[in-house]
C-alpha atoms as a PDB file:
ATOM      1  CA  MET A   1      82.476  -4.416  64.153  1.00  0.00           C
ATOM      2  CA  GLU A   2      79.104  -5.445  61.379  1.00  0.00           C
ATOM      3  CA  VAL A   3      80.715  -9.018  61.013  1.00  0.00           C
ATOM      4  CA  THR A   4      81.432  -9.649  64.787  1.00  0.00           C
ATOM      5  CA  ALA A   5      77.788  -8.118  65.024  1.00  0.00           C
ATOM      6  CA  THR A   6      76.833 -10.926  63.293  1.00  0.00           C
ATOM      7  CA  GLU A   7      79.133 -13.598  64.165  1.00  0.00           C
ATOM      8  CA  ALA A   8      77.932 -12.489  67.462  1.00  0.00           C
ATOM      9  CA  LEU A   9      74.453 -13.327  66.377  1.00  0.00           C
ATOM     10  CA  GLU A  10      74.426 -16.480  65.597  1.00  0.00           C
ATOM     11  CA  TYR A  11      76.749 -17.684  68.607  1.00  0.00           C
ATOM     12  CA  PHE A  12      74.358 -16.694  70.698  1.00  0.00           C
ATOM     13  CA  ASN A  13      70.913 -17.663  68.431  1.00  0.00           C
ATOM     14  CA  SER A  14      69.993 -20.135  70.881  1.00  0.00           C
ATOM     15  CA  THR A  15      70.491 -17.139  73.826  1.00  0.00           C
ATOM     16  CA  ARG A  16      67.848 -15.485  75.361  1.00  0.00           C
ATOM     17  CA  HIS A  17      67.922 -11.676  73.563  1.00  0.00           C
ATOM     18  CA  MET A  18      66.634  -8.475  72.490  1.00  0.00           C
ATOM     19  CA  ILE A  19      68.701  -6.662  70.107  1.00  0.00           C
ATOM     20  CA  LEU A  20      68.255  -2.626  71.107  1.00  0.00           C
ATOM     21  CA  TYR A  21      69.756  -0.274  69.176  1.00  0.00           C
ATOM     22  CA  TYR A  22      70.984   3.189  71.291  1.00  0.00           C
ATOM     23  CA  GLU A  23      69.159   5.553  68.728  1.00  0.00           C
ATOM     24  CA  ASP A  24      66.130   3.852  69.122  1.00  0.00           C
ATOM     25  CA  ILE A  25      65.712   4.575  72.482  1.00  0.00           C
ATOM     26  CA  VAL A  26      66.888   7.827  72.004  1.00  0.00           C
ATOM     27  CA  ARG A  27      63.997   8.407  69.962  1.00  0.00           C
ATOM     28  CA  ASN A  28      61.330   6.482  71.942  1.00  0.00           C
ATOM     29  CA  ARG A  29      62.041   6.839  75.311  1.00  0.00           C
ATOM     30  CA  ALA A  30      59.015   3.623  76.004  1.00  0.00           C
ATOM     31  CA  LYS A  31      61.232   1.415  74.394  1.00  0.00           C
ATOM     32  CA  LEU A  32      63.099   1.292  78.017  1.00  0.00           C
ATOM     33  CA  VAL A  33      59.591  -0.827  79.253  1.00  0.00           C
ATOM     34  CA  ASP A  34      60.846  -2.935  76.568  1.00  0.00           C
ATOM     35  CA  VAL A  35      64.216  -3.486  78.301  1.00  0.00           C
ATOM     36  CA  LEU A  36      62.256  -3.626  81.708  1.00  0.00           C
ATOM     37  CA  GLU A  37      59.864  -6.842  80.382  1.00  0.00           C
ATOM     38  CA  PHE A  38      63.143  -8.381  78.450  1.00  0.00           C
ATOM     39  CA  LEU A  39      65.124  -8.308  81.728  1.00  0.00           C
ATOM     40  CA  ARG A  40      61.872  -9.237  84.173  1.00  0.00           C
ATOM     41  CA  LEU A  41      62.723  -6.250  86.009  1.00  0.00           C
ATOM     42  CA  PRO A  42      59.048  -4.547  87.368  1.00  0.00           C
ATOM     43  CA  ASN A  43      58.454  -1.450  85.451  1.00  0.00           C
ATOM     44  CA  MET A  44      60.439   1.676  86.838  1.00  0.00           C
ATOM     45  CA  ASP A  45      61.321   5.174  85.872  1.00  0.00           C
ATOM     46  CA  LEU A  46      64.505   5.451  84.580  1.00  0.00           C
ATOM     47  CA  SER A  47      66.948   7.845  84.395  1.00  0.00           C
ATOM     48  CA  SER A  48      70.133   9.849  83.884  1.00  0.00           C
ATOM     49  CA  ARG A  49      72.307  12.394  84.845  1.00  0.00           C
ATOM     50  CA  GLN A  50      74.042  12.159  81.008  1.00  0.00           C
ATOM     51  CA  VAL A  51      73.746  15.029  79.257  1.00  0.00           C
ATOM     52  CA  LYS A  52      74.129  16.566  76.424  1.00  0.00           C
ATOM     53  CA  ILE A  53      77.324  19.194  75.430  1.00  0.00           C
ATOM     54  CA  HIS A  54      76.539  19.696  71.971  1.00  0.00           C
ATOM     55  CA  ASN A  55      74.356  21.345  70.079  1.00  0.00           C
ATOM     56  CA  GLY A  56      73.427  22.103  66.833  1.00  0.00           C
ATOM     57  CA  PRO A  57      74.478  20.400  63.661  1.00  0.00           C
ATOM     58  CA  LEU A  58      76.461  17.810  63.586  1.00  0.00           C
ATOM     59  CA  TRP A  59      79.148  19.640  60.858  1.00  0.00           C
ATOM     60  CA  LYS A  60      79.695  22.434  63.079  1.00  0.00           C
ATOM     61  CA  HIS A  61      81.530  20.110  65.804  1.00  0.00           C
ATOM     62  CA  ILE A  62      83.717  17.605  63.284  1.00  0.00           C
ATOM     63  CA  LYS A  63      86.703  18.829  61.754  1.00  0.00           C
ATOM     64  CA  ASN A  64      87.016  17.480  58.932  1.00  0.00           C
ATOM     65  CA  TRP A  65      82.823  16.838  58.317  1.00  0.00           C
ATOM     66  CA  ASP A  66      84.118  17.198  53.999  1.00  0.00           C
ATOM     67  CA  ASP A  67      85.473  13.532  54.115  1.00  0.00           C
ATOM     68  CA  ILE A  68      82.830  12.219  56.822  1.00  0.00           C
ATOM     69  CA  ASN A  69      80.233  13.310  54.741  1.00  0.00           C
ATOM     70  CA  LYS A  70      81.865  11.978  52.080  1.00  0.00           C
ATOM     71  CA  THR A  71      82.701   8.488  52.832  1.00  0.00           C
ATOM     72  CA  LEU A  72      78.729   8.096  54.759  1.00  0.00           C
ATOM     73  CA  SER A  73      76.975   9.257  51.928  1.00  0.00           C
ATOM     74  CA  GLY A  74      75.368   6.201  50.094  1.00  0.00           C
ATOM     75  CA  THR A  75      76.462   3.691  53.286  1.00  0.00           C
ATOM     76  CA  ALA A  76      73.778   2.613  56.258  1.00  0.00           C
ATOM     77  CA  TYR A  77      75.160   5.433  58.226  1.00  0.00           C
ATOM     78  CA  GLU A  78      73.833   7.798  55.818  1.00  0.00           C
ATOM     79  CA  LYS A  79      71.403   8.906  58.612  1.00  0.00           C
ATOM     80  CA  PHE A  80      73.657   9.879  60.878  1.00  0.00           C
ATOM     81  CA  LEU A  81      74.239  12.012  59.137  1.00  0.00           C
ATOM     82  CA  ARG A  82      71.534  13.261  59.564  1.00  0.00           C
ATOM     83  CA  ALA A  83      70.295  12.887  62.559  1.00  0.00           C
ATOM     84  CA  ASP A  84      69.666  15.942  65.285  1.00  0.00           C
ATOM     85  CA  TYR A  85      69.729  14.033  68.775  1.00  0.00           C
END
């Protein structure tokens, strides 16, 4: 997936674009203002009807948590194991 993303960025290098991660929006809703500015849209109050359906730590919801934790530990994705969204 990382290779595909890198290739896409190289392909669209001359095209106006912005890189945006879901986690950035979740942590900082002000990022949506950046998106609106990029899209040249007026500043508006954006909302979603999506709701969080799971509460508590991830390990309580993942059956093979030990495998996931072992696989992702020490990688760039390890931070998502500890994310508390």
